[in-house]
Amino acid sequence: MIAMYPSFVLDCPDAARLAQFYGEVLGWKVEARDGWADIKPEDGSNCISFQQVENFKAPSWPSQDAPQQMHLDVMVRDLDEAESEVVAIGATKAEHQPGTTFRVFLDPAGHPFCLCVA
């Protein structure tokens, strides 16, 4: 084994704001400092990080004019309930919805992410 576990890092225009958004989505603790933020569950077993970058260009979806490069799938029990909750904290539902067991949203920085039925 070379490494213990991965940490995903998302570029964004405001690291603290995007960490707060995903912290609320996942119920994880937010730790923010100048230009960088992490979210972690209580047991510290995972981490998603957010890196503030100048001149950030949001990805486009479903077109690839500005490639999405990656996205997060978040497992939920009820799509309708989860949709109303993520929209209330700043997500935007994408116009194009290619499936029935998941829904695509854009986070406050424009990254696509999916709510998927667990």
PDB file of N, CA and C in Angstrom:
ATOM      1  N   MET A   1       0.850  -1.178   0.000  1.00  0.00           N
ATOM      2  CA  MET A   1       0.000   0.000   0.000  1.00  0.00           C
ATOM      3  C   MET A   1       0.892   1.236   0.000  1.00  0.00           C
ATOM      4  N   ILE A   2       0.627   2.138  -0.909  1.00  0.00           N
ATOM      5  CA  ILE A   2       1.389   3.375  -1.008  1.00  0.00           C
ATOM      6  C   ILE A   2       0.784   4.459  -0.135  1.00  0.00           C
ATOM      7  N   ALA A   3      -0.541   4.544  -0.135  1.00  0.00           N
ATOM      8  CA  ALA A   3      -1.213   5.625   0.595  1.00  0.00           C
ATOM      9  C   ALA A   3      -2.301   5.055   1.496  1.00  0.00           C
ATOM     10  N   MET A   4      -2.738   5.874   2.443  1.00  0.00           N
ATOM     11  CA  MET A   4      -3.762   5.433   3.389  1.00  0.00           C
ATOM     12  C   MET A   4      -5.178   5.665   2.867  1.00  0.00           C
ATOM     13  N   TYR A   5      -5.491   6.871   2.404  1.00  0.00           N
ATOM     14  CA  TYR A   5      -6.797   7.164   1.852  1.00  0.00           C
ATOM     15  C   TYR A   5      -6.706   8.444   1.034  1.00  0.00           C
ATOM     16  N   PRO A   6      -7.591   8.593   0.043  1.00  0.00           N
ATOM     17  CA  PRO A   6      -7.545   9.805  -0.778  1.00  0.00           C
ATOM     18  C   PRO A   6      -8.270  10.963  -0.109  1.00  0.00           C
ATOM     19  N   SER A   7      -7.869  12.159  -0.478  1.00  0.00           N
ATOM     20  CA  SER A   7      -8.588  13.364  -0.107  1.00  0.00           C
ATOM     21  C   SER A   7      -8.882  14.088  -1.410  1.00  0.00           C
ATOM     22  N   PHE A   8     -10.118  14.399  -1.645  1.00  0.00           N
ATOM     23  CA  PHE A   8     -10.495  15.114  -2.845  1.00  0.00           C
ATOM     24  C   PHE A   8     -10.400  16.606  -2.583  1.00  0.00           C
ATOM     25  N   VAL A   9      -9.860  17.340  -3.548  1.00  0.00           N
ATOM     26  CA  VAL A   9      -9.718  18.788  -3.423  1.00  0.00           C
ATOM     27  C   VAL A   9     -10.441  19.434  -4.600  1.00  0.00           C
ATOM     28  N   LEU A  10     -11.380  20.321  -4.298  1.00  0.00           N
ATOM     29  CA  LEU A  10     -12.115  21.050  -5.327  1.00  0.00           C
ATOM     30  C   LEU A  10     -11.619  22.486  -5.385  1.00  0.00           C
ATOM     31  N   ASP A  11     -11.240  22.943  -6.579  1.00  0.00           N
ATOM     32  CA  ASP A  11     -10.932  24.354  -6.771  1.00  0.00           C
ATOM     33  C   ASP A  11     -12.240  25.134  -6.749  1.00  0.00           C
ATOM     34  N   CYS A  12     -12.199  26.360  -6.250  1.00  0.00           N
ATOM     35  CA  CYS A  12     -13.415  27.157  -6.151  1.00  0.00           C
ATOM     36  C   CYS A  12     -13.055  28.622  -5.887  1.00  0.00           C
ATOM     37  N   PRO A  13     -14.022  29.535  -6.062  1.00  0.00           N
ATOM     38  CA  PRO A  13     -13.735  30.946  -5.811  1.00  0.00           C
ATOM     39  C   PRO A  13     -13.755  31.323  -4.329  1.00  0.00           C
ATOM     40  N   ASP A  14     -14.432  30.539  -3.482  1.00  0.00           N
ATOM     41  CA  ASP A  14     -14.543  30.840  -2.051  1.00  0.00           C
ATOM     42  C   ASP A  14     -14.534  29.522  -1.275  1.00  0.00           C
ATOM     43  N   ALA A  15     -13.372  29.142  -0.756  1.00  0.00           N
ATOM     44  CA  ALA A  15     -13.202  27.839  -0.103  1.00  0.00           C
ATOM     45  C   ALA A  15     -14.120  27.673   1.103  1.00  0.00           C
ATOM     46  N   ALA A  16     -14.218  28.684   1.947  1.00  0.00           N
ATOM     47  CA  ALA A  16     -15.036  28.576   3.156  1.00  0.00           C
ATOM     48  C   ALA A  16     -16.515  28.403   2.808  1.00  0.00           C
ATOM     49  N   ARG A  17     -16.995  29.145   1.821  1.00  0.00           N
ATOM     50  CA  ARG A  17     -18.411  29.065   1.439  1.00  0.00           C
ATOM     51  C   ARG A  17     -18.754  27.688   0.879  1.00  0.00           C
ATOM     52  N   LEU A  18     -17.896  27.162   0.001  1.00  0.00           N
ATOM     53  CA  LEU A  18     -18.191  25.863  -0.590  1.00  0.00           C
ATOM     54  C   LEU A  18     -18.067  24.746   0.448  1.00  0.00           C
ATOM     55  N   ALA A  19     -17.109  24.864   1.355  1.00  0.00           N
ATOM     56  CA  ALA A  19     -16.987  23.882   2.438  1.00  0.00           C
ATOM     57  C   ALA A  19     -18.236  23.903   3.316  1.00  0.00           C
ATOM     58  N   GLN A  20     -18.757  25.079   3.601  1.00  0.00           N
ATOM     59  CA  GLN A  20     -19.979  25.193   4.403  1.00  0.00           C
ATOM     60  C   GLN A  20     -21.141  24.490   3.704  1.00  0.00           C
ATOM     61  N   PHE A  21     -21.257  24.691   2.386  1.00  0.00           N
ATOM     62  CA  PHE A  21     -22.318  24.050   1.614  1.00  0.00           C
ATOM     63  C   PHE A  21     -22.232  22.526   1.739  1.00  0.00           C
ATOM     64  N   TYR A  22     -21.066  21.950   1.413  1.00  0.00           N
ATOM     65  CA  TYR A  22     -20.928  20.494   1.468  1.00  0.00           C
ATOM     66  C   TYR A  22     -20.940  19.972   2.906  1.00  0.00           C
ATOM     67  N   GLY A  23     -20.475  20.772   3.840  1.00  0.00           N
ATOM     68  CA  GLY A  23     -20.574  20.389   5.244  1.00  0.00           C
ATOM     69  C   GLY A  23     -22.023  20.201   5.657  1.00  0.00           C
ATOM     70  N   GLU A  24     -22.897  21.091   5.191  1.00  0.00           N
ATOM     71  CA  GLU A  24     -24.327  20.961   5.483  1.00  0.00           C
ATOM     72  C   GLU A  24     -24.934  19.771   4.757  1.00  0.00           C
ATOM     73  N   VAL A  25     -24.539  19.559   3.499  1.00  0.00           N
ATOM     74  CA  VAL A  25     -25.064  18.425   2.735  1.00  0.00           C
ATOM     75  C   VAL A  25     -24.754  17.107   3.445  1.00  0.00           C
ATOM     76  N   LEU A  26     -23.514  16.954   3.921  1.00  0.00           N
ATOM     77  CA  LEU A  26     -23.064  15.686   4.500  1.00  0.00           C
ATOM     78  C   LEU A  26     -23.136  15.626   6.024  1.00  0.00           C
ATOM     79  N   GLY A  27     -23.390  16.762   6.677  1.00  0.00           N
ATOM     80  CA  GLY A  27     -23.393  16.788   8.137  1.00  0.00           C
ATOM     81  C   GLY A  27     -21.994  16.657   8.710  1.00  0.00           C
ATOM     82  N   TRP A  28     -20.992  17.177   7.991  1.00  0.00           N
ATOM     83  CA  TRP A  28     -19.591  17.077   8.403  1.00  0.00           C
ATOM     84  C   TRP A  28     -19.106  18.405   8.961  1.00  0.00           C
ATOM     85  N   LYS A  29     -18.107  18.321   9.804  1.00  0.00           N
ATOM     86  CA  LYS A  29     -17.496  19.490  10.438  1.00  0.00           C
ATOM     87  C   LYS A  29     -16.644  20.261   9.418  1.00  0.00           C
ATOM     88  N   VAL A  30     -16.721  21.587   9.474  1.00  0.00           N
ATOM     89  CA  VAL A  30     -15.951  22.461   8.581  1.00  0.00           C
ATOM     90  C   VAL A  30     -14.766  23.048   9.332  1.00  0.00           C
ATOM     91  N   GLU A  31     -13.603  22.974   8.717  1.00  0.00           N
ATOM     92  CA  GLU A  31     -12.398  23.627   9.234  1.00  0.00           C
ATOM     93  C   GLU A  31     -11.864  24.515   8.118  1.00  0.00           C
ATOM     94  N   ALA A  32     -11.950  25.828   8.297  1.00  0.00           N
ATOM     95  CA  ALA A  32     -11.537  26.764   7.250  1.00  0.00           C
ATOM     96  C   ALA A  32     -10.402  27.654   7.731  1.00  0.00           C
ATOM     97  N   ARG A  33      -9.504  27.952   6.818  1.00  0.00           N
ATOM     98  CA  ARG A  33      -8.434  28.918   7.055  1.00  0.00           C
ATOM     99  C   ARG A  33      -8.223  29.671   5.750  1.00  0.00           C
ATOM    100  N   ASP A  34      -7.302  30.556   5.713  1.00  0.00           N
ATOM    101  CA  ASP A  34      -7.099  31.445   4.572  1.00  0.00           C
ATOM    102  C   ASP A  34      -6.964  30.690   3.247  1.00  0.00           C
ATOM    103  N   GLY A  35      -8.006  30.756   2.417  1.00  0.00           N
ATOM    104  CA  GLY A  35      -7.955  30.177   1.085  1.00  0.00           C
ATOM    105  C   GLY A  35      -8.072  28.665   1.012  1.00  0.00           C
ATOM    106  N   TRP A  36      -8.321  28.006   2.126  1.00  0.00           N
ATOM    107  CA  TRP A  36      -8.399  26.540   2.160  1.00  0.00           C
ATOM    108  C   TRP A  36      -9.429  26.127   3.205  1.00  0.00           C
ATOM    109  N   ALA A  37     -10.147  25.056   2.934  1.00  0.00           N
ATOM    110  CA  ALA A  37     -11.093  24.528   3.918  1.00  0.00           C
ATOM    111  C   ALA A  37     -11.205  23.021   3.748  1.00  0.00           C
ATOM    112  N   ASP A  38     -11.479  22.341   4.850  1.00  0.00           N
ATOM    113  CA  ASP A  38     -11.694  20.895   4.857  1.00  0.00           C
ATOM    114  C   ASP A  38     -13.034  20.602   5.505  1.00  0.00           C
ATOM    115  N   ILE A  39     -13.665  19.524   5.069  1.00  0.00           N
ATOM    116  CA  ILE A  39     -14.814  18.988   5.788  1.00  0.00           C
ATOM    117  C   ILE A  39     -14.506  17.534   6.108  1.00  0.00           C
ATOM    118  N   LYS A  40     -14.915  17.120   7.318  1.00  0.00           N
ATOM    119  CA  LYS A  40     -14.645  15.755   7.778  1.00  0.00           C
ATOM    120  C   LYS A  40     -15.805  15.269   8.635  1.00  0.00           C
ATOM    121  N   PRO A  41     -16.080  13.948   8.582  1.00  0.00           N
ATOM    122  CA  PRO A  41     -17.063  13.403   9.514  1.00  0.00           C
ATOM    123  C   PRO A  41     -16.469  13.369  10.916  1.00  0.00           C
ATOM    124  N   GLU A  42     -17.315  13.149  11.899  1.00  0.00           N
ATOM    125  CA  GLU A  42     -16.867  13.134  13.297  1.00  0.00           C
ATOM    126  C   GLU A  42     -15.704  12.179  13.533  1.00  0.00           C
ATOM    127  N   ASP A  43     -15.710  11.016  12.864  1.00  0.00           N
ATOM    128  CA  ASP A  43     -14.645  10.038  13.102  1.00  0.00           C
ATOM    129  C   ASP A  43     -13.363  10.346  12.331  1.00  0.00           C
ATOM    130  N   GLY A  44     -13.383  11.401  11.501  1.00  0.00           N
ATOM    131  CA  GLY A  44     -12.187  11.806  10.764  1.00  0.00           C
ATOM    132  C   GLY A  44     -11.754  10.840   9.684  1.00  0.00           C
ATOM    133  N   SER A  45     -12.630   9.914   9.297  1.00  0.00           N
ATOM    134  CA  SER A  45     -12.258   8.862   8.358  1.00  0.00           C
ATOM    135  C   SER A  45     -12.125   9.325   6.915  1.00  0.00           C
ATOM    136  N   ASN A  46     -12.690  10.446   6.577  1.00  0.00           N
ATOM    137  CA  ASN A  46     -12.654  10.968   5.212  1.00  0.00           C
ATOM    138  C   ASN A  46     -12.397  12.463   5.254  1.00  0.00           C
ATOM    139  N   CYS A  47     -12.083  13.013   4.095  1.00  0.00           N
ATOM    140  CA  CYS A  47     -11.872  14.454   4.010  1.00  0.00           C
ATOM    141  C   CYS A  47     -12.133  14.914   2.584  1.00  0.00           C
ATOM    142  N   ILE A  48     -12.849  16.004   2.459  1.00  0.00           N
ATOM    143  CA  ILE A  48     -12.963  16.709   1.183  1.00  0.00           C
ATOM    144  C   ILE A  48     -12.429  18.106   1.452  1.00  0.00           C
ATOM    145  N   SER A  49     -11.534  18.558   0.581  1.00  0.00           N
ATOM    146  CA  SER A  49     -10.906  19.865   0.764  1.00  0.00           C
ATOM    147  C   SER A  49     -11.313  20.815  -0.350  1.00  0.00           C
ATOM    148  N   PHE A  50     -11.204  22.102  -0.057  1.00  0.00           N
ATOM    149  CA  PHE A  50     -11.599  23.151  -0.985  1.00  0.00           C
ATOM    150  C   PHE A  50     -10.474  24.168  -1.046  1.00  0.00           C
ATOM    151  N   GLN A  51     -10.015  24.447  -2.269  1.00  0.00           N
ATOM    152  CA  GLN A  51      -8.882  25.340  -2.486  1.00  0.00           C
ATOM    153  C   GLN A  51      -9.357  26.564  -3.261  1.00  0.00           C
ATOM    154  N   GLN A  52      -9.187  27.715  -2.672  1.00  0.00           N
ATOM    155  CA  GLN A  52      -9.591  28.961  -3.311  1.00  0.00           C
ATOM    156  C   GLN A  52      -8.581  29.317  -4.395  1.00  0.00           C
ATOM    157  N   VAL A  53      -9.079  29.601  -5.611  1.00  0.00           N
ATOM    158  CA  VAL A  53      -8.200  29.973  -6.715  1.00  0.00           C
ATOM    159  C   VAL A  53      -8.709  31.254  -7.367  1.00  0.00           C
ATOM    160  N   GLU A  54      -7.769  32.080  -7.784  1.00  0.00           N
ATOM    161  CA  GLU A  54      -8.141  33.293  -8.515  1.00  0.00           C
ATOM    162  C   GLU A  54      -8.581  32.906  -9.915  1.00  0.00           C
ATOM    163  N   ASN A  55      -9.459  33.686 -10.489  1.00  0.00           N
ATOM    164  CA  ASN A  55      -9.934  33.482 -11.854  1.00  0.00           C
ATOM    165  C   ASN A  55     -10.533  32.097 -12.065  1.00  0.00           C
ATOM    166  N   PHE A  56     -11.214  31.585 -11.046  1.00  0.00           N
ATOM    167  CA  PHE A  56     -11.859  30.279 -11.148  1.00  0.00           C
ATOM    168  C   PHE A  56     -12.881  30.299 -12.270  1.00  0.00           C
ATOM    169  N   LYS A  57     -12.890  29.265 -13.091  1.00  0.00           N
ATOM    170  CA  LYS A  57     -13.893  29.110 -14.138  1.00  0.00           C
ATOM    171  C   LYS A  57     -14.692  27.857 -13.819  1.00  0.00           C
ATOM    172  N   ALA A  58     -15.968  28.040 -13.563  1.00  0.00           N
ATOM    173  CA  ALA A  58     -16.829  26.908 -13.209  1.00  0.00           C
ATOM    174  C   ALA A  58     -16.935  25.931 -14.370  1.00  0.00           C
ATOM    175  N   PRO A  59     -17.009  24.638 -14.069  1.00  0.00           N
ATOM    176  CA  PRO A  59     -17.203  23.652 -15.123  1.00  0.00           C
ATOM    177  C   PRO A  59     -18.593  23.807 -15.727  1.00  0.00           C
ATOM    178  N   SER A  60     -18.769  23.292 -16.930  1.00  0.00           N
ATOM    179  CA  SER A  60     -20.093  23.320 -17.554  1.00  0.00           C
ATOM    180  C   SER A  60     -20.591  21.885 -17.690  1.00  0.00           C
ATOM    181  N   TRP A  61     -21.885  21.715 -17.514  1.00  0.00           N
ATOM    182  CA  TRP A  61     -22.481  20.394 -17.622  1.00  0.00           C
ATOM    183  C   TRP A  61     -23.887  20.530 -18.160  1.00  0.00           C
ATOM    184  N   PRO A  62     -24.324  19.748 -19.121  1.00  0.00           N
ATOM    185  CA  PRO A  62     -23.659  18.568 -19.650  1.00  0.00           C
ATOM    186  C   PRO A  62     -22.647  18.845 -20.753  1.00  0.00           C
ATOM    187  N   SER A  63     -22.595  20.072 -21.270  1.00  0.00           N
ATOM    188  CA  SER A  63     -21.569  20.350 -22.284  1.00  0.00           C
ATOM    189  C   SER A  63     -20.200  20.283 -21.627  1.00  0.00           C
ATOM    190  N   GLN A  64     -19.184  20.165 -22.416  1.00  0.00           N
ATOM    191  CA  GLN A  64     -17.827  20.090 -21.882  1.00  0.00           C
ATOM    192  C   GLN A  64     -16.996  21.303 -22.307  1.00  0.00           C
ATOM    193  N   ASP A  65     -17.666  22.458 -22.493  1.00  0.00           N
ATOM    194  CA  ASP A  65     -16.942  23.685 -22.843  1.00  0.00           C
ATOM    195  C   ASP A  65     -15.887  24.006 -21.791  1.00  0.00           C
ATOM    196  N   ALA A  66     -16.237  23.842 -20.544  1.00  0.00           N
ATOM    197  CA  ALA A  66     -15.286  23.911 -19.427  1.00  0.00           C
ATOM    198  C   ALA A  66     -15.463  22.577 -18.707  1.00  0.00           C
ATOM    199  N   PRO A  67     -14.598  21.596 -18.965  1.00  0.00           N
ATOM    200  CA  PRO A  67     -14.811  20.225 -18.482  1.00  0.00           C
ATOM    201  C   PRO A  67     -15.049  20.137 -16.976  1.00  0.00           C
ATOM    202  N   GLN A  68     -15.970  19.237 -16.601  1.00  0.00           N
ATOM    203  CA  GLN A  68     -16.264  19.051 -15.180  1.00  0.00           C
ATOM    204  C   GLN A  68     -15.135  18.334 -14.463  1.00  0.00           C
ATOM    205  N   GLN A  69     -14.349  17.521 -15.140  1.00  0.00           N
ATOM    206  CA  GLN A  69     -13.191  16.813 -14.603  1.00  0.00           C
ATOM    207  C   GLN A  69     -13.555  15.777 -13.554  1.00  0.00           C
ATOM    208  N   MET A  70     -14.411  16.059 -12.651  1.00  0.00           N
ATOM    209  CA  MET A  70     -14.877  15.116 -11.632  1.00  0.00           C
ATOM    210  C   MET A  70     -16.170  15.654 -11.037  1.00  0.00           C
ATOM    211  N   HIS A  71     -16.897  14.784 -10.343  1.00  0.00           N
ATOM    212  CA  HIS A  71     -18.062  15.243  -9.596  1.00  0.00           C
ATOM    213  C   HIS A  71     -18.295  14.295  -8.433  1.00  0.00           C
ATOM    214  N   LEU A  72     -19.050  14.744  -7.468  1.00  0.00           N
ATOM    215  CA  LEU A  72     -19.378  13.935  -6.298  1.00  0.00           C
ATOM    216  C   LEU A  72     -20.763  13.327  -6.459  1.00  0.00           C
ATOM    217  N   ASP A  73     -20.897  12.058  -6.097  1.00  0.00           N
ATOM    218  CA  ASP A  73     -22.193  11.404  -5.969  1.00  0.00           C
ATOM    219  C   ASP A  73     -22.465  11.267  -4.476  1.00  0.00           C
ATOM    220  N   VAL A  74     -23.609  11.761  -4.041  1.00  0.00           N
ATOM    221  CA  VAL A  74     -23.983  11.724  -2.632  1.00  0.00           C
ATOM    222  C   VAL A  74     -25.212  10.824  -2.499  1.00  0.00           C
ATOM    223  N   MET A  75     -25.117   9.803  -1.663  1.00  0.00           N
ATOM    224  CA  MET A  75     -26.213   8.852  -1.487  1.00  0.00           C
ATOM    225  C   MET A  75     -27.262   9.411  -0.518  1.00  0.00           C
ATOM    226  N   VAL A  76     -28.537   9.304  -0.923  1.00  0.00           N
ATOM    227  CA  VAL A  76     -29.651   9.795  -0.105  1.00  0.00           C
ATOM    228  C   VAL A  76     -30.759   8.741  -0.065  1.00  0.00           C
ATOM    229  N   ARG A  77     -31.620   8.842   0.920  1.00  0.00           N
ATOM    230  CA  ARG A  77     -32.748   7.905   1.031  1.00  0.00           C
ATOM    231  C   ARG A  77     -33.953   8.373   0.208  1.00  0.00           C
ATOM    232  N   ASP A  78     -34.156   9.697   0.139  1.00  0.00           N
ATOM    233  CA  ASP A  78     -35.330  10.251  -0.534  1.00  0.00           C
ATOM    234  C   ASP A  78     -34.893  11.407  -1.422  1.00  0.00           C
ATOM    235  N   LEU A  79     -35.036  11.243  -2.741  1.00  0.00           N
ATOM    236  CA  LEU A  79     -34.583  12.277  -3.679  1.00  0.00           C
ATOM    237  C   LEU A  79     -35.322  13.594  -3.509  1.00  0.00           C
ATOM    238  N   ASP A  80     -36.642  13.546  -3.366  1.00  0.00           N
ATOM    239  CA  ASP A  80     -37.418  14.786  -3.251  1.00  0.00           C
ATOM    240  C   ASP A  80     -37.020  15.577  -2.008  1.00  0.00           C
ATOM    241  N   GLU A  81     -36.902  14.888  -0.887  1.00  0.00           N
ATOM    242  CA  GLU A  81     -36.527  15.555   0.357  1.00  0.00           C
ATOM    243  C   GLU A  81     -35.110  16.131   0.263  1.00  0.00           C
ATOM    244  N   ALA A  82     -34.188  15.339  -0.253  1.00  0.00           N
ATOM    245  CA  ALA A  82     -32.806  15.804  -0.379  1.00  0.00           C
ATOM    246  C   ALA A  82     -32.705  16.975  -1.352  1.00  0.00           C
ATOM    247  N   GLU A  83     -33.490  16.931  -2.432  1.00  0.00           N
ATOM    248  CA  GLU A  83     -33.483  18.035  -3.388  1.00  0.00           C
ATOM    249  C   GLU A  83     -33.882  19.338  -2.714  1.00  0.00           C
ATOM    250  N   SER A  84     -34.967  19.332  -1.977  1.00  0.00           N
ATOM    251  CA  SER A  84     -35.411  20.577  -1.340  1.00  0.00           C
ATOM    252  C   SER A  84     -34.375  21.085  -0.345  1.00  0.00           C
ATOM    253  N   GLU A  85     -33.688  20.171   0.331  1.00  0.00           N
ATOM    254  CA  GLU A  85     -32.683  20.586   1.309  1.00  0.00           C
ATOM    255  C   GLU A  85     -31.444  21.186   0.649  1.00  0.00           C
ATOM    256  N   VAL A  86     -30.937  20.574  -0.440  1.00  0.00           N
ATOM    257  CA  VAL A  86     -29.731  21.133  -1.068  1.00  0.00           C
ATOM    258  C   VAL A  86     -30.029  22.445  -1.785  1.00  0.00           C
ATOM    259  N   VAL A  87     -31.221  22.566  -2.353  1.00  0.00           N
ATOM    260  CA  VAL A  87     -31.603  23.830  -2.995  1.00  0.00           C
ATOM    261  C   VAL A  87     -31.709  24.934  -1.946  1.00  0.00           C
ATOM    262  N   ALA A  88     -32.232  24.609  -0.777  1.00  0.00           N
ATOM    263  CA  ALA A  88     -32.381  25.602   0.293  1.00  0.00           C
ATOM    264  C   ALA A  88     -31.040  26.144   0.779  1.00  0.00           C
ATOM    265  N   ILE A  89     -29.970  25.360   0.639  1.00  0.00           N
ATOM    266  CA  ILE A  89     -28.662  25.842   1.104  1.00  0.00           C
ATOM    267  C   ILE A  89     -27.762  26.313  -0.035  1.00  0.00           C
ATOM    268  N   GLY A  90     -28.316  26.426  -1.262  1.00  0.00           N
ATOM    269  CA  GLY A  90     -27.551  27.067  -2.322  1.00  0.00           C
ATOM    270  C   GLY A  90     -27.309  26.291  -3.592  1.00  0.00           C
ATOM    271  N   ALA A  91     -27.771  25.047  -3.690  1.00  0.00           N
ATOM    272  CA  ALA A  91     -27.594  24.278  -4.925  1.00  0.00           C
ATOM    273  C   ALA A  91     -28.605  24.732  -5.973  1.00  0.00           C
ATOM    274  N   THR A  92     -28.282  24.479  -7.227  1.00  0.00           N
ATOM    275  CA  THR A  92     -29.185  24.740  -8.340  1.00  0.00           C
ATOM    276  C   THR A  92     -29.416  23.424  -9.070  1.00  0.00           C
ATOM    277  N   LYS A  93     -30.668  23.093  -9.331  1.00  0.00           N
ATOM    278  CA  LYS A  93     -30.960  21.865 -10.065  1.00  0.00           C
ATOM    279  C   LYS A  93     -30.599  22.072 -11.528  1.00  0.00           C
ATOM    280  N   ALA A  94     -29.831  21.142 -12.087  1.00  0.00           N
ATOM    281  CA  ALA A  94     -29.441  21.229 -13.495  1.00  0.00           C
ATOM    282  C   ALA A  94     -30.661  21.001 -14.381  1.00  0.00           C
ATOM    283  N   GLU A  95     -30.699  21.688 -15.529  1.00  0.00           N
ATOM    284  CA  GLU A  95     -31.812  21.503 -16.455  1.00  0.00           C
ATOM    285  C   GLU A  95     -31.842  20.086 -16.999  1.00  0.00           C
ATOM    286  N   HIS A  96     -30.688  19.581 -17.385  1.00  0.00           N
ATOM    287  CA  HIS A  96     -30.598  18.241 -17.972  1.00  0.00           C
ATOM    288  C   HIS A  96     -30.548  17.198 -16.864  1.00  0.00           C
ATOM    289  N   GLN A  97     -31.523  16.306 -16.853  1.00  0.00           N
ATOM    290  CA  GLN A  97     -31.605  15.236 -15.855  1.00  0.00           C
ATOM    291  C   GLN A  97     -31.644  13.899 -16.599  1.00  0.00           C
ATOM    292  N   PRO A  98     -30.490  13.226 -16.738  1.00  0.00           N
ATOM    293  CA  PRO A  98     -30.414  12.036 -17.582  1.00  0.00           C
ATOM    294  C   PRO A  98     -30.905  10.731 -16.965  1.00  0.00           C
ATOM    295  N   GLY A  99     -31.255  10.708 -15.691  1.00  0.00           N
ATOM    296  CA  GLY A  99     -31.643   9.441 -15.069  1.00  0.00           C
ATOM    297  C   GLY A  99     -32.840   9.588 -14.159  1.00  0.00           C
ATOM    298  N   THR A 100     -33.306   8.465 -13.611  1.00  0.00           N
ATOM    299  CA  THR A 100     -34.442   8.486 -12.694  1.00  0.00           C
ATOM    300  C   THR A 100     -34.052   8.103 -11.267  1.00  0.00           C
ATOM    301  N   THR A 101     -32.883   7.525 -11.073  1.00  0.00           N
ATOM    302  CA  THR A 101     -32.444   7.127  -9.732  1.00  0.00           C
ATOM    303  C   THR A 101     -31.434   8.100  -9.151  1.00  0.00           C
ATOM    304  N   PHE A 102     -31.223   9.197  -9.844  1.00  0.00           N
ATOM    305  CA  PHE A 102     -30.314  10.242  -9.367  1.00  0.00           C
ATOM    306  C   PHE A 102     -30.746  11.569  -9.966  1.00  0.00           C
ATOM    307  N   ARG A 103     -30.293  12.661  -9.352  1.00  0.00           N
ATOM    308  CA  ARG A 103     -30.560  14.010  -9.865  1.00  0.00           C
ATOM    309  C   ARG A 103     -29.266  14.801  -9.837  1.00  0.00           C
ATOM    310  N   VAL A 104     -29.102  15.624 -10.852  1.00  0.00           N
ATOM    311  CA  VAL A 104     -27.885  16.417 -11.005  1.00  0.00           C
ATOM    312  C   VAL A 104     -28.148  17.846 -10.535  1.00  0.00           C
ATOM    313  N   PHE A 105     -27.203  18.373  -9.765  1.00  0.00           N
ATOM    314  CA  PHE A 105     -27.273  19.736  -9.245  1.00  0.00           C
ATOM    315  C   PHE A 105     -25.933  20.415  -9.468  1.00  0.00           C
ATOM    316  N   LEU A 106     -25.925  21.730  -9.338  1.00  0.00           N
ATOM    317  CA  LEU A 106     -24.691  22.507  -9.359  1.00  0.00           C
ATOM    318  C   LEU A 106     -24.516  23.105  -7.974  1.00  0.00           C
ATOM    319  N   ASP A 107     -23.310  22.971  -7.423  1.00  0.00           N
ATOM    320  CA  ASP A 107     -23.048  23.564  -6.114  1.00  0.00           C
ATOM    321  C   ASP A 107     -22.887  25.071  -6.268  1.00  0.00           C
ATOM    322  N   PRO A 108     -22.735  25.834  -5.194  1.00  0.00           N
ATOM    323  CA  PRO A 108     -22.641  27.290  -5.310  1.00  0.00           C
ATOM    324  C   PRO A 108     -21.483  27.793  -6.176  1.00  0.00           C
ATOM    325  N   ALA A 109     -20.457  26.969  -6.404  1.00  0.00           N
ATOM    326  CA  ALA A 109     -19.347  27.368  -7.273  1.00  0.00           C
ATOM    327  C   ALA A 109     -19.528  26.867  -8.700  1.00  0.00           C
ATOM    328  N   GLY A 110     -20.599  26.114  -8.972  1.00  0.00           N
ATOM    329  CA  GLY A 110     -20.884  25.628 -10.313  1.00  0.00           C
ATOM    330  C   GLY A 110     -20.448  24.203 -10.606  1.00  0.00           C
ATOM    331  N   HIS A 111     -19.863  23.490  -9.631  1.00  0.00           N
ATOM    332  CA  HIS A 111     -19.487  22.093  -9.847  1.00  0.00           C
ATOM    333  C   HIS A 111     -20.743  21.220  -9.876  1.00  0.00           C
ATOM    334  N   PRO A 112     -20.854  20.313 -10.847  1.00  0.00           N
ATOM    335  CA  PRO A 112     -21.975  19.385 -10.804  1.00  0.00           C
ATOM    336  C   PRO A 112     -21.777  18.349  -9.700  1.00  0.00           C
ATOM    337  N   PHE A 113     -22.879  17.937  -9.086  1.00  0.00           N
ATOM    338  CA  PHE A 113     -22.865  16.811  -8.150  1.00  0.00           C
ATOM    339  C   PHE A 113     -24.216  16.123  -8.259  1.00  0.00           C
ATOM    340  N   CYS A 114     -24.269  14.863  -7.849  1.00  0.00           N
ATOM    341  CA  CYS A 114     -25.496  14.090  -7.974  1.00  0.00           C
ATOM    342  C   CYS A 114     -25.992  13.626  -6.618  1.00  0.00           C
ATOM    343  N   LEU A 115     -27.302  13.695  -6.450  1.00  0.00           N
ATOM    344  CA  LEU A 115     -27.964  13.018  -5.343  1.00  0.00           C
ATOM    345  C   LEU A 115     -28.434  11.689  -5.916  1.00  0.00           C
ATOM    346  N   CYS A 116     -28.036  10.587  -5.309  1.00  0.00           N
ATOM    347  CA  CYS A 116     -28.338   9.249  -5.809  1.00  0.00           C
ATOM    348  C   CYS A 116     -29.107   8.465  -4.755  1.00  0.00           C
ATOM    349  N   VAL A 117     -30.082   7.678  -5.197  1.00  0.00           N
ATOM    350  CA  VAL A 117     -30.839   6.843  -4.271  1.00  0.00           C
ATOM    351  C   VAL A 117     -29.914   5.771  -3.718  1.00  0.00           C
ATOM    352  N   ALA A 118     -29.847   5.685  -2.399  1.00  0.00           N
ATOM    353  CA  ALA A 118     -28.971   4.695  -1.751  1.00  0.00           C
ATOM    354  C   ALA A 118     -29.590   3.318  -1.808  1.00  0.00           C
TER     355      ALA A 118
END
